[in-house]
Amino acid sequence: MDDASGVQVLNIAKGVAKLEIMDDATIQAKYNLPGGRAYADFAVLRGDPSDGLPGVAGIGEKTAAALINEHGSLVGLLAAVKDPASTLKPAVRKKLDAAADYLAVAPDVVRVRADAPVTKVDSTPPSSPADPDRLAELGERYGLSSPIKRLTKALAASKHGGH
């Protein structure tokens, strides 16, 4: 999420009918985090089974949020783990030490790549299938002739502004 750039996330955890628009304010209210940019660090610590993230054993939602708030980021937290003078509780330090291998790679998996090349996409629907014969063949093979006829008709109608 990046409110300054107009980037939001649509959370469909409760289903598409109950989707939730996640912006900085939502993240702050729901997870007690300083904003959307902190969510990735929070998710790495807490884990997220739906995304295959195990998290750090023994670190739940409240502890993860408190650690991110106290240390500013996962980088700041990991620096505190290495600093014997830090205020980290010994039990938390031990849990984070035990998860060092996971914490070394998980942030790259969780964070959205801001450097990925994105090209402009024309989202205008076509007025007809690119290969009507191949589409008809697939429709016959998989018993989808009727839906394909409806699709072809809908595409043609959209070209003319009809429904």
Protein backbone atom coordinates (compact mmCIF):
# COMPACT_ATOMS: atom_id res chain seq x y z
CA MET A 1 0.00 0.00 0.00
CA ASP A 2 1.19 3.46 -0.79
CA ASP A 3 -1.36 6.19 -0.20
CA ALA A 4 0.92 8.83 -1.72
CA SER A 5 0.93 6.93 -5.02
CA GLY A 6 -2.72 5.95 -4.86
CA VAL A 7 -1.87 2.27 -4.35
CA GLN A 8 -4.31 0.23 -2.31
CA VAL A 9 -4.80 -3.47 -1.73
CA LEU A 10 -8.14 -5.22 -2.04
CA ASN A 11 -8.35 -7.79 0.76
CA ILE A 12 -10.68 -10.64 -0.19
CA ALA A 13 -9.99 -12.80 2.87
CA LYS A 14 -13.71 -12.74 3.74
CA GLY A 15 -14.77 -13.28 0.13
CA VAL A 16 -15.17 -11.01 -2.87
CA ALA A 17 -18.61 -9.84 -1.71
CA LYS A 18 -17.03 -8.51 1.50
CA LEU A 19 -13.78 -7.18 0.06
CA GLU A 20 -11.95 -4.62 2.14
CA ILE A 21 -9.95 -1.73 0.69
CA MET A 22 -6.68 -1.60 2.60
CA ASP A 23 -4.92 1.75 2.80
CA ASP A 24 -2.60 3.27 5.42
CA ALA A 25 -5.45 4.22 7.75
CA THR A 26 -6.94 0.71 7.60
CA ILE A 27 -3.57 -0.88 8.37
CA GLN A 28 -3.01 1.50 11.27
CA ALA A 29 -6.44 0.80 12.74
CA LYS A 30 -6.57 -2.94 12.14
CA TYR A 31 -3.02 -3.96 13.08
CA ASN A 32 -1.71 -1.04 15.17
CA LEU A 33 1.06 -0.42 12.66
CA PRO A 34 2.54 2.89 11.51
CA GLY A 35 1.12 2.38 8.01
CA GLY A 36 0.97 0.13 4.97
CA ARG A 37 4.72 0.08 4.38
CA ALA A 38 5.16 -1.65 7.77
CA TYR A 39 2.75 -4.45 6.89
CA ALA A 40 5.31 -6.56 5.01
CA ASP A 41 7.65 -6.63 8.02
CA PHE A 42 4.70 -7.41 10.27
CA ALA A 43 3.59 -10.28 7.98
CA VAL A 44 7.11 -11.74 7.96
CA LEU A 45 7.15 -11.84 11.76
CA ARG A 46 3.56 -12.93 12.37
CA GLY A 47 3.31 -15.23 9.40
CA ASP A 48 0.38 -15.72 7.09
CA PRO A 49 -0.72 -19.30 6.36
CA SER A 50 -2.76 -18.21 3.33
CA ASP A 51 0.47 -16.95 1.74
CA GLY A 52 2.60 -19.87 2.96
CA LEU A 53 4.51 -17.73 5.47
CA PRO A 54 5.33 -19.62 8.64
CA GLY A 55 6.33 -16.52 10.58
CA VAL A 56 8.59 -16.62 13.61
CA ALA A 57 7.53 -19.35 16.04
CA GLY A 58 6.05 -17.78 19.15
CA ILE A 59 5.57 -14.31 17.62
CA GLY A 60 1.91 -13.50 17.14
CA GLU A 61 0.06 -10.50 15.83
CA LYS A 62 0.33 -8.30 18.94
CA THR A 63 4.01 -9.01 19.53
CA ALA A 64 4.86 -8.51 15.84
CA ALA A 65 3.09 -5.13 15.82
CA ALA A 66 4.78 -4.06 19.06
CA LEU A 67 8.22 -5.04 17.75
CA ILE A 68 7.73 -3.17 14.46
CA ASN A 69 6.46 -0.10 16.32
CA GLU A 70 9.35 -0.18 18.78
CA HIS A 71 12.12 -0.76 16.22
CA GLY A 72 10.61 0.94 13.16
CA SER A 73 11.15 -1.94 10.76
CA LEU A 74 12.37 -5.48 10.44
CA VAL A 75 15.85 -4.13 9.66
CA GLY A 76 15.79 -2.13 12.91
CA LEU A 77 14.53 -5.16 14.82
CA LEU A 78 17.25 -7.44 13.43
CA ALA A 79 19.86 -4.82 14.38
CA ALA A 80 18.45 -4.91 17.93
CA VAL A 81 18.77 -8.70 17.98
CA LYS A 82 22.50 -8.33 17.27
CA ASP A 83 22.92 -5.53 19.83
CA PRO A 84 23.43 -6.99 23.32
CA ALA A 85 22.48 -3.61 24.83
CA SER A 86 19.06 -3.51 23.12
CA THR A 87 15.86 -3.64 25.12
CA LEU A 88 14.70 -6.91 23.55
CA LYS A 89 13.46 -9.44 26.04
CA PRO A 90 15.67 -12.56 26.12
CA ALA A 91 12.78 -14.83 25.07
CA VAL A 92 12.00 -12.68 22.01
CA ARG A 93 15.68 -12.43 21.11
CA LYS A 94 15.94 -16.24 21.28
CA LYS A 95 12.91 -16.68 18.99
CA LEU A 96 14.29 -14.23 16.46
CA ASP A 97 17.75 -15.84 16.60
CA ALA A 98 16.18 -19.26 15.99
CA ALA A 99 14.41 -17.87 12.92
CA ALA A 100 17.51 -16.18 11.44
CA ASP A 101 17.52 -18.30 8.25
CA TYR A 102 13.84 -17.59 7.63
CA LEU A 103 14.24 -13.88 8.40
CA ALA A 104 17.12 -13.65 5.93
CA VAL A 105 14.94 -14.68 2.95
CA ALA A 106 11.29 -14.02 3.87
CA PRO A 107 11.32 -10.24 3.31
CA ASP A 108 12.25 -10.72 -0.37
CA VAL A 109 9.33 -13.13 -0.76
CA VAL A 110 6.80 -10.87 0.96
CA ARG A 111 7.61 -7.46 -0.46
CA VAL A 112 6.11 -6.30 -3.70
CA ARG A 113 8.78 -5.67 -6.30
CA ALA A 114 8.79 -1.97 -7.07
CA ASP A 115 11.33 -2.48 -9.86
CA ALA A 116 9.29 -4.96 -11.89
CA PRO A 117 8.75 -3.73 -15.43
CA VAL A 118 5.11 -2.84 -15.97
CA THR A 119 3.85 -2.20 -19.44
CA LYS A 120 0.66 -0.42 -20.37
CA VAL A 121 -2.08 -2.91 -21.11
CA ASP A 122 -5.00 -2.29 -23.41
CA SER A 123 -7.95 -3.63 -21.43
CA THR A 124 -10.44 -3.02 -24.23
CA PRO A 125 -12.19 -6.34 -24.89
CA PRO A 126 -11.71 -7.74 -28.37
CA SER A 127 -14.67 -7.68 -30.73
CA SER A 128 -14.07 -11.31 -31.68
CA PRO A 129 -11.88 -14.25 -30.62
CA ALA A 130 -8.31 -14.13 -31.95
CA ASP A 131 -8.66 -17.66 -33.39
CA PRO A 132 -12.38 -18.50 -33.74
CA ASP A 133 -11.75 -21.93 -35.28
CA ARG A 134 -9.43 -23.00 -32.45
CA LEU A 135 -11.89 -21.65 -29.87
CA ALA A 136 -14.75 -23.62 -31.49
CA GLU A 137 -12.56 -26.75 -31.48
CA LEU A 138 -11.80 -26.35 -27.78
CA GLY A 139 -15.48 -25.70 -27.08
CA GLU A 140 -16.41 -28.97 -28.78
CA ARG A 141 -13.67 -30.92 -26.99
CA TYR A 142 -14.61 -29.68 -23.53
CA GLY A 143 -18.37 -29.36 -23.96
CA LEU A 144 -18.33 -25.58 -23.83
CA SER A 145 -19.90 -24.76 -27.18
CA SER A 146 -22.86 -22.94 -25.66
CA PRO A 147 -20.82 -20.67 -23.36
CA ILE A 148 -18.41 -19.94 -26.21
CA LYS A 149 -21.30 -18.92 -28.48
CA ARG A 150 -22.52 -16.57 -25.73
CA LEU A 151 -18.99 -15.17 -25.33
CA THR A 152 -18.62 -14.58 -29.07
CA LYS A 153 -22.01 -12.88 -29.18
CA ALA A 154 -21.15 -10.69 -26.17
CA LEU A 155 -17.81 -9.67 -27.70
CA ALA A 156 -19.49 -8.71 -30.97
CA ALA A 157 -22.18 -6.75 -29.09
CA SER A 158 -19.53 -4.89 -27.05
CA LYS A 159 -17.96 -3.68 -30.31
CA HIS A 160 -21.24 -2.04 -31.19
CA GLY A 161 -21.98 -0.74 -27.69
CA GLY A 162 -24.74 -3.32 -27.08
CA HIS A 163 -25.07 -5.78 -24.21
